[in-house]
């Protein structure tokens, strides 16, 4: 067997004058990217409002609006909550919360759909 050794180098940097290094490193998106994402979310919101006011899709309007809402929530999570460059534990926590919310919705709807309707 071959003996593979990997040399690792670590560079130490000093923070600029007037700033302190708290050991926090991360990725910061450019303001242009955040503005484009914000405008995209607003555009999808306008599309949702237009769809509900015109009703052109008929019975499929709700499904289209839910799909648009899913895209909006994904954009907000990835860019404004920094899940795109987040730690794996943070991403796992966010996905677990979405999974848990899905369980609660399923339980709520199963209770609601099995109740007897009282007329009168």
N, C-alpha and C. Protein backbone atom coordinates (compact mmCIF):
# COMPACT_ATOMS: atom_id res chain seq x y z
N UNK A 1 0.83 -1.17 0.00
CA UNK A 1 0.00 0.00 0.00
C UNK A 1 0.87 1.23 0.00
N UNK A 2 0.40 2.21 -0.71
CA UNK A 2 1.14 3.46 -0.79
C UNK A 2 0.80 4.33 0.41
N UNK A 3 1.78 5.03 0.88
CA UNK A 3 1.58 5.92 2.00
C UNK A 3 1.32 7.31 1.44
N UNK A 4 0.09 7.79 1.57
CA UNK A 4 -0.28 9.11 1.06
C UNK A 4 -0.32 10.09 2.22
N UNK A 5 0.41 11.13 2.08
CA UNK A 5 0.36 12.19 3.09
C UNK A 5 -0.11 13.45 2.40
N UNK A 6 -0.94 14.17 3.08
CA UNK A 6 -1.47 15.42 2.55
C UNK A 6 -0.91 16.56 3.39
N UNK A 7 -0.29 17.48 2.71
CA UNK A 7 0.24 18.65 3.41
C UNK A 7 -0.85 19.71 3.46
N UNK A 8 -1.09 20.20 4.63
CA UNK A 8 -2.08 21.26 4.77
C UNK A 8 -1.38 22.51 5.27
N UNK A 9 -1.79 23.60 4.71
CA UNK A 9 -1.23 24.87 5.16
C UNK A 9 -2.39 25.73 5.64
N UNK A 10 -2.16 26.44 6.68
CA UNK A 10 -3.16 27.35 7.19
C UNK A 10 -2.56 28.74 7.19
N UNK A 11 -3.32 29.64 6.65
CA UNK A 11 -2.87 31.03 6.60
C UNK A 11 -3.57 31.80 7.70
N UNK A 12 -2.81 32.52 8.45
CA UNK A 12 -3.40 33.35 9.49
C UNK A 12 -3.44 34.78 8.98
N UNK A 13 -4.59 35.37 9.15
CA UNK A 13 -4.75 36.76 8.73
C UNK A 13 -5.15 37.59 9.92
N UNK A 14 -4.81 38.82 9.88
CA UNK A 14 -5.20 39.73 10.94
C UNK A 14 -6.34 40.59 10.41
N UNK A 15 -7.30 40.88 11.26
CA UNK A 15 -8.43 41.69 10.81
C UNK A 15 -7.98 43.12 10.52
N UNK A 16 -8.71 43.83 9.68
CA UNK A 16 -8.37 45.23 9.40
C UNK A 16 -8.45 46.08 10.66
N UNK A 17 -7.81 47.22 10.59
CA UNK A 17 -7.80 48.12 11.75
C UNK A 17 -9.23 48.54 12.09
N UNK A 18 -9.55 48.48 13.35
CA UNK A 18 -10.88 48.88 13.80
C UNK A 18 -11.87 47.72 13.85
N UNK A 19 -11.49 46.55 13.35
CA UNK A 19 -12.37 45.39 13.36
C UNK A 19 -11.76 44.30 14.24
N UNK A 20 -12.62 43.55 14.86
CA UNK A 20 -12.14 42.44 15.67
C UNK A 20 -12.58 41.14 15.02
N UNK A 21 -11.73 40.15 15.11
CA UNK A 21 -12.05 38.84 14.56
C UNK A 21 -12.66 38.00 15.66
N UNK A 22 -13.92 37.65 15.48
CA UNK A 22 -14.61 36.85 16.48
C UNK A 22 -14.62 35.37 16.11
N UNK A 23 -13.84 34.99 15.14
CA UNK A 23 -13.80 33.60 14.73
C UNK A 23 -14.97 33.20 13.86
N UNK A 24 -15.74 34.17 13.38
CA UNK A 24 -16.90 33.87 12.55
C UNK A 24 -16.50 34.06 11.10
N UNK A 25 -16.61 33.02 10.34
CA UNK A 25 -16.35 33.12 8.91
C UNK A 25 -17.60 32.71 8.18
N UNK A 26 -17.81 33.28 7.03
CA UNK A 26 -18.99 32.94 6.27
C UNK A 26 -18.98 33.63 4.93
N UNK A 27 -19.94 33.27 4.15
CA UNK A 27 -20.07 33.83 2.82
C UNK A 27 -21.11 34.94 2.85
N UNK A 28 -20.80 36.04 2.21
CA UNK A 28 -21.73 37.15 2.14
C UNK A 28 -22.10 37.36 0.68
N UNK A 29 -23.39 37.32 0.38
CA UNK A 29 -23.84 37.55 -0.98
C UNK A 29 -23.73 39.02 -1.32
N UNK A 30 -23.53 39.29 -2.58
CA UNK A 30 -23.41 40.69 -3.01
C UNK A 30 -24.77 41.37 -2.92
N UNK A 31 -24.78 42.67 -2.71
CA UNK A 31 -26.06 43.39 -2.65
C UNK A 31 -26.86 43.27 -3.95
N UNK A 32 -26.17 43.20 -5.08
CA UNK A 32 -26.89 43.06 -6.35
C UNK A 32 -27.65 41.73 -6.40
N UNK A 33 -27.04 40.67 -5.91
CA UNK A 33 -27.70 39.37 -5.88
C UNK A 33 -28.92 39.41 -4.97
N UNK A 34 -28.77 40.00 -3.80
CA UNK A 34 -29.88 40.08 -2.86
C UNK A 34 -31.02 40.93 -3.40
N UNK A 35 -30.69 42.00 -4.10
CA UNK A 35 -31.73 42.85 -4.69
C UNK A 35 -32.46 42.09 -5.79
N UNK A 36 -31.72 41.34 -6.62
CA UNK A 36 -32.37 40.55 -7.66
C UNK A 36 -33.28 39.48 -7.08
N UNK A 37 -32.84 38.84 -6.02
CA UNK A 37 -33.68 37.83 -5.38
C UNK A 37 -34.92 38.49 -4.78
N UNK A 38 -34.75 39.64 -4.16
CA UNK A 38 -35.88 40.37 -3.59
C UNK A 38 -36.88 40.76 -4.67
N UNK A 39 -36.38 41.26 -5.80
CA UNK A 39 -37.27 41.62 -6.90
C UNK A 39 -37.95 40.38 -7.48
N UNK A 40 -37.24 39.26 -7.50
CA UNK A 40 -37.85 38.01 -7.96
C UNK A 40 -38.98 37.57 -7.05
N UNK A 41 -38.78 37.69 -5.74
CA UNK A 41 -39.83 37.32 -4.78
C UNK A 41 -41.03 38.25 -4.94
N UNK A 42 -40.76 39.56 -5.13
CA UNK A 42 -41.86 40.50 -5.33
C UNK A 42 -42.59 40.23 -6.65
N UNK A 43 -41.83 39.86 -7.69
CA UNK A 43 -42.46 39.53 -8.97
C UNK A 43 -43.35 38.30 -8.86
N UNK A 44 -42.88 37.28 -8.12
CA UNK A 44 -43.70 36.09 -7.91
C UNK A 44 -44.94 36.42 -7.07
N UNK A 45 -44.79 37.35 -6.14
CA UNK A 45 -45.94 37.80 -5.36
C UNK A 45 -46.97 38.48 -6.26
N UNK A 46 -46.48 39.35 -7.15
CA UNK A 46 -47.39 40.03 -8.08
C UNK A 46 -48.08 39.02 -9.00
N UNK A 47 -47.36 37.98 -9.41
CA UNK A 47 -47.96 36.94 -10.24
C UNK A 47 -49.05 36.20 -9.47
N UNK A 48 -48.83 35.95 -8.21
CA UNK A 48 -49.83 35.28 -7.38
C UNK A 48 -51.08 36.14 -7.23
N UNK A 49 -50.88 37.44 -6.98
CA UNK A 49 -52.03 38.35 -6.85
C UNK A 49 -52.79 38.43 -8.16
N UNK A 50 -52.08 38.50 -9.27
CA UNK A 50 -52.72 38.57 -10.58
C UNK A 50 -53.52 37.29 -10.84
N UNK A 51 -52.94 36.15 -10.49
CA UNK A 51 -53.64 34.89 -10.71
C UNK A 51 -54.92 34.80 -9.89
N UNK A 52 -54.90 35.29 -8.65
CA UNK A 52 -56.10 35.20 -7.84
C UNK A 52 -57.14 36.23 -8.25
N UNK A 53 -56.72 37.33 -8.83
CA UNK A 53 -57.72 38.32 -9.24
C UNK A 53 -58.35 37.98 -10.59
N UNK A 54 -57.62 37.30 -11.47
CA UNK A 54 -58.18 36.96 -12.77
C UNK A 54 -58.82 35.59 -12.79
N UNK A 55 -58.24 34.63 -12.11
CA UNK A 55 -58.79 33.28 -12.06
C UNK A 55 -58.74 32.57 -13.40
N UNK A 56 -57.72 32.84 -14.19
CA UNK A 56 -57.63 32.26 -15.53
C UNK A 56 -57.34 30.77 -15.53
N UNK A 57 -56.73 30.27 -14.48
CA UNK A 57 -56.40 28.85 -14.47
C UNK A 57 -57.52 27.98 -13.92
N UNK A 58 -58.57 28.59 -13.46
CA UNK A 58 -59.72 27.84 -12.96
C UNK A 58 -59.38 27.04 -11.71
N UNK A 59 -59.60 25.74 -11.78
CA UNK A 59 -59.36 24.87 -10.63
C UNK A 59 -57.89 24.64 -10.34
N UNK A 60 -57.02 25.02 -11.25
CA UNK A 60 -55.59 24.81 -11.05
C UNK A 60 -54.89 26.03 -10.43
N UNK A 61 -55.66 27.06 -10.14
CA UNK A 61 -55.08 28.28 -9.58
C UNK A 61 -54.41 28.00 -8.23
N UNK A 62 -55.07 27.24 -7.39
CA UNK A 62 -54.52 26.94 -6.06
C UNK A 62 -53.19 26.21 -6.17
N UNK A 63 -53.12 25.22 -7.06
CA UNK A 63 -51.89 24.46 -7.20
C UNK A 63 -50.75 25.33 -7.74
N UNK A 64 -51.08 26.22 -8.68
CA UNK A 64 -50.07 27.13 -9.22
C UNK A 64 -49.59 28.10 -8.14
N UNK A 65 -50.51 28.60 -7.33
CA UNK A 65 -50.13 29.53 -6.26
C UNK A 65 -49.30 28.83 -5.19
N UNK A 66 -49.60 27.59 -4.89
CA UNK A 66 -48.79 26.84 -3.93
C UNK A 66 -47.39 26.58 -4.48
N UNK A 67 -47.29 26.32 -5.77
CA UNK A 67 -45.97 26.13 -6.39
C UNK A 67 -45.18 27.43 -6.36
N UNK A 68 -45.84 28.54 -6.64
CA UNK A 68 -45.15 29.84 -6.59
C UNK A 68 -44.72 30.14 -5.15
N UNK A 69 -45.57 29.85 -4.18
CA UNK A 69 -45.21 30.05 -2.78
C UNK A 69 -44.03 29.19 -2.36
N UNK A 70 -43.95 27.98 -2.89
CA UNK A 70 -42.82 27.11 -2.59
C UNK A 70 -41.53 27.69 -3.15
N UNK A 71 -41.59 28.22 -4.36
CA UNK A 71 -40.40 28.86 -4.96
C UNK A 71 -40.00 30.08 -4.14
N UNK A 72 -40.97 30.87 -3.71
CA UNK A 72 -40.66 32.05 -2.89
C UNK A 72 -40.01 31.65 -1.57
N UNK A 73 -40.56 30.65 -0.91
CA UNK A 73 -39.99 30.20 0.37
C UNK A 73 -38.59 29.64 0.17
N UNK A 74 -38.36 28.96 -0.94
CA UNK A 74 -37.03 28.43 -1.22
C UNK A 74 -36.03 29.55 -1.44
N UNK A 75 -36.42 30.58 -2.20
CA UNK A 75 -35.53 31.72 -2.42
C UNK A 75 -35.20 32.43 -1.12
N UNK A 76 -36.21 32.64 -0.29
CA UNK A 76 -35.98 33.31 1.00
C UNK A 76 -35.05 32.48 1.87
N UNK A 77 -35.28 31.18 1.91
CA UNK A 77 -34.42 30.31 2.73
C UNK A 77 -32.99 30.27 2.23
N UNK A 78 -32.82 30.16 0.92
CA UNK A 78 -31.47 30.03 0.38
C UNK A 78 -30.66 31.31 0.48
N UNK A 79 -31.28 32.45 0.20
CA UNK A 79 -30.52 33.68 0.12
C UNK A 79 -30.60 34.53 1.40
N UNK A 80 -31.80 34.74 1.93
CA UNK A 80 -31.92 35.63 3.08
C UNK A 80 -31.65 34.92 4.41
N UNK A 81 -31.86 33.61 4.45
CA UNK A 81 -31.53 32.86 5.65
C UNK A 81 -30.16 32.19 5.52
N UNK A 82 -29.49 32.41 4.41
CA UNK A 82 -28.12 31.94 4.14
C UNK A 82 -27.99 30.42 4.22
N UNK A 83 -29.03 29.69 3.80
CA UNK A 83 -28.94 28.24 3.81
C UNK A 83 -28.09 27.71 2.66
N UNK A 84 -27.90 28.53 1.65
CA UNK A 84 -27.11 28.11 0.49
C UNK A 84 -25.67 27.87 0.88
N UNK A 85 -25.13 28.66 1.77
CA UNK A 85 -23.75 28.52 2.22
C UNK A 85 -23.68 28.16 3.69
N UNK A 86 -24.78 27.67 4.23
CA UNK A 86 -24.84 27.39 5.66
C UNK A 86 -24.17 26.08 6.03
N UNK A 87 -23.96 25.94 7.30
CA UNK A 87 -23.42 24.72 7.87
C UNK A 87 -24.42 23.58 7.67
N UNK A 88 -23.95 22.37 7.60
CA UNK A 88 -24.83 21.23 7.36
C UNK A 88 -25.84 21.05 8.48
N UNK A 89 -25.47 21.39 9.68
CA UNK A 89 -26.39 21.27 10.81
C UNK A 89 -27.53 22.27 10.67
N UNK A 90 -27.23 23.48 10.20
CA UNK A 90 -28.26 24.50 10.01
C UNK A 90 -29.22 24.08 8.91
N UNK A 91 -28.69 23.56 7.82
CA UNK A 91 -29.54 23.10 6.72
C UNK A 91 -30.39 21.93 7.18
N UNK A 92 -29.82 21.01 7.92
CA UNK A 92 -30.58 19.88 8.44
C UNK A 92 -31.69 20.34 9.38
N UNK A 93 -31.42 21.34 10.19
CA UNK A 93 -32.43 21.89 11.09
C UNK A 93 -33.57 22.52 10.31
N UNK A 94 -33.24 23.27 9.25
CA UNK A 94 -34.28 23.89 8.43
C UNK A 94 -35.13 22.83 7.74
N UNK A 95 -34.49 21.79 7.19
CA UNK A 95 -35.25 20.73 6.54
C UNK A 95 -36.09 19.94 7.54
N UNK A 96 -35.58 19.75 8.75
CA UNK A 96 -36.35 19.05 9.78
C UNK A 96 -37.58 19.87 10.18
N UNK A 97 -37.44 21.18 10.23
CA UNK A 97 -38.60 22.00 10.58
C UNK A 97 -39.66 21.96 9.49
N UNK A 98 -39.24 21.91 8.22
CA UNK A 98 -40.20 21.79 7.13
C UNK A 98 -40.88 20.42 7.18
N UNK A 99 -40.12 19.39 7.47
CA UNK A 99 -40.69 18.04 7.61
C UNK A 99 -41.69 17.99 8.75
N UNK A 100 -41.35 18.59 9.88
CA UNK A 100 -42.24 18.61 11.04
C UNK A 100 -43.52 19.39 10.73
N UNK A 101 -43.40 20.49 10.02
CA UNK A 101 -44.57 21.26 9.63
C UNK A 101 -45.46 20.43 8.71
N UNK A 102 -44.86 19.63 7.83
CA UNK A 102 -45.63 18.75 6.96
C UNK A 102 -46.41 17.72 7.77
N UNK A 103 -45.78 17.16 8.79
CA UNK A 103 -46.47 16.21 9.67
C UNK A 103 -47.67 16.89 10.33
N UNK A 104 -47.48 18.11 10.82
CA UNK A 104 -48.58 18.81 11.48
C UNK A 104 -49.72 19.10 10.50
N UNK A 105 -49.39 19.48 9.27
CA UNK A 105 -50.43 19.73 8.27
C UNK A 105 -51.20 18.45 7.95
N UNK A 106 -50.51 17.34 7.82
CA UNK A 106 -51.18 16.07 7.52
C UNK A 106 -52.09 15.68 8.68
N UNK A 107 -51.64 15.82 9.90
CA UNK A 107 -52.48 15.49 11.05
C UNK A 107 -53.69 16.41 11.15
N UNK A 108 -53.47 17.70 10.91
CA UNK A 108 -54.59 18.66 10.95
C UNK A 108 -55.62 18.33 9.88
N UNK A 109 -55.16 18.09 8.65
CA UNK A 109 -56.10 17.82 7.56
C UNK A 109 -56.81 16.48 7.75
N UNK A 110 -56.13 15.48 8.31
CA UNK A 110 -56.81 14.20 8.55
C UNK A 110 -57.90 14.37 9.62
N UNK A 111 -57.67 15.22 10.61
CA UNK A 111 -58.69 15.49 11.62
C UNK A 111 -59.84 16.28 11.00
N UNK A 112 -59.52 17.29 10.23
CA UNK A 112 -60.54 18.15 9.64
C UNK A 112 -61.41 17.39 8.64
N UNK A 113 -60.80 16.55 7.84
CA UNK A 113 -61.56 15.84 6.79
C UNK A 113 -62.42 14.70 7.35
N UNK A 114 -62.15 14.24 8.55
CA UNK A 114 -62.93 13.14 9.09
C UNK A 114 -64.02 13.60 10.05
N UNK A 115 -64.18 14.88 10.26
CA UNK A 115 -65.25 15.38 11.15
C UNK A 115 -66.59 15.37 10.43
N UNK A 116 -67.64 15.16 11.20
CA UNK A 116 -68.98 15.20 10.65
C UNK A 116 -69.42 16.65 10.51
N UNK A 117 -70.07 16.92 9.41
CA UNK A 117 -70.57 18.28 9.19
C UNK A 117 -71.96 18.39 9.82
N UNK A 118 -72.17 19.47 10.57
CA UNK A 118 -73.46 19.70 11.21
C UNK A 118 -74.22 20.71 10.35
N UNK A 119 -75.34 20.32 9.86
CA UNK A 119 -76.18 21.22 9.04
C UNK A 119 -77.27 21.80 9.92
N UNK A 120 -77.56 23.06 9.71
CA UNK A 120 -78.69 23.61 10.42
C UNK A 120 -78.46 24.78 11.18
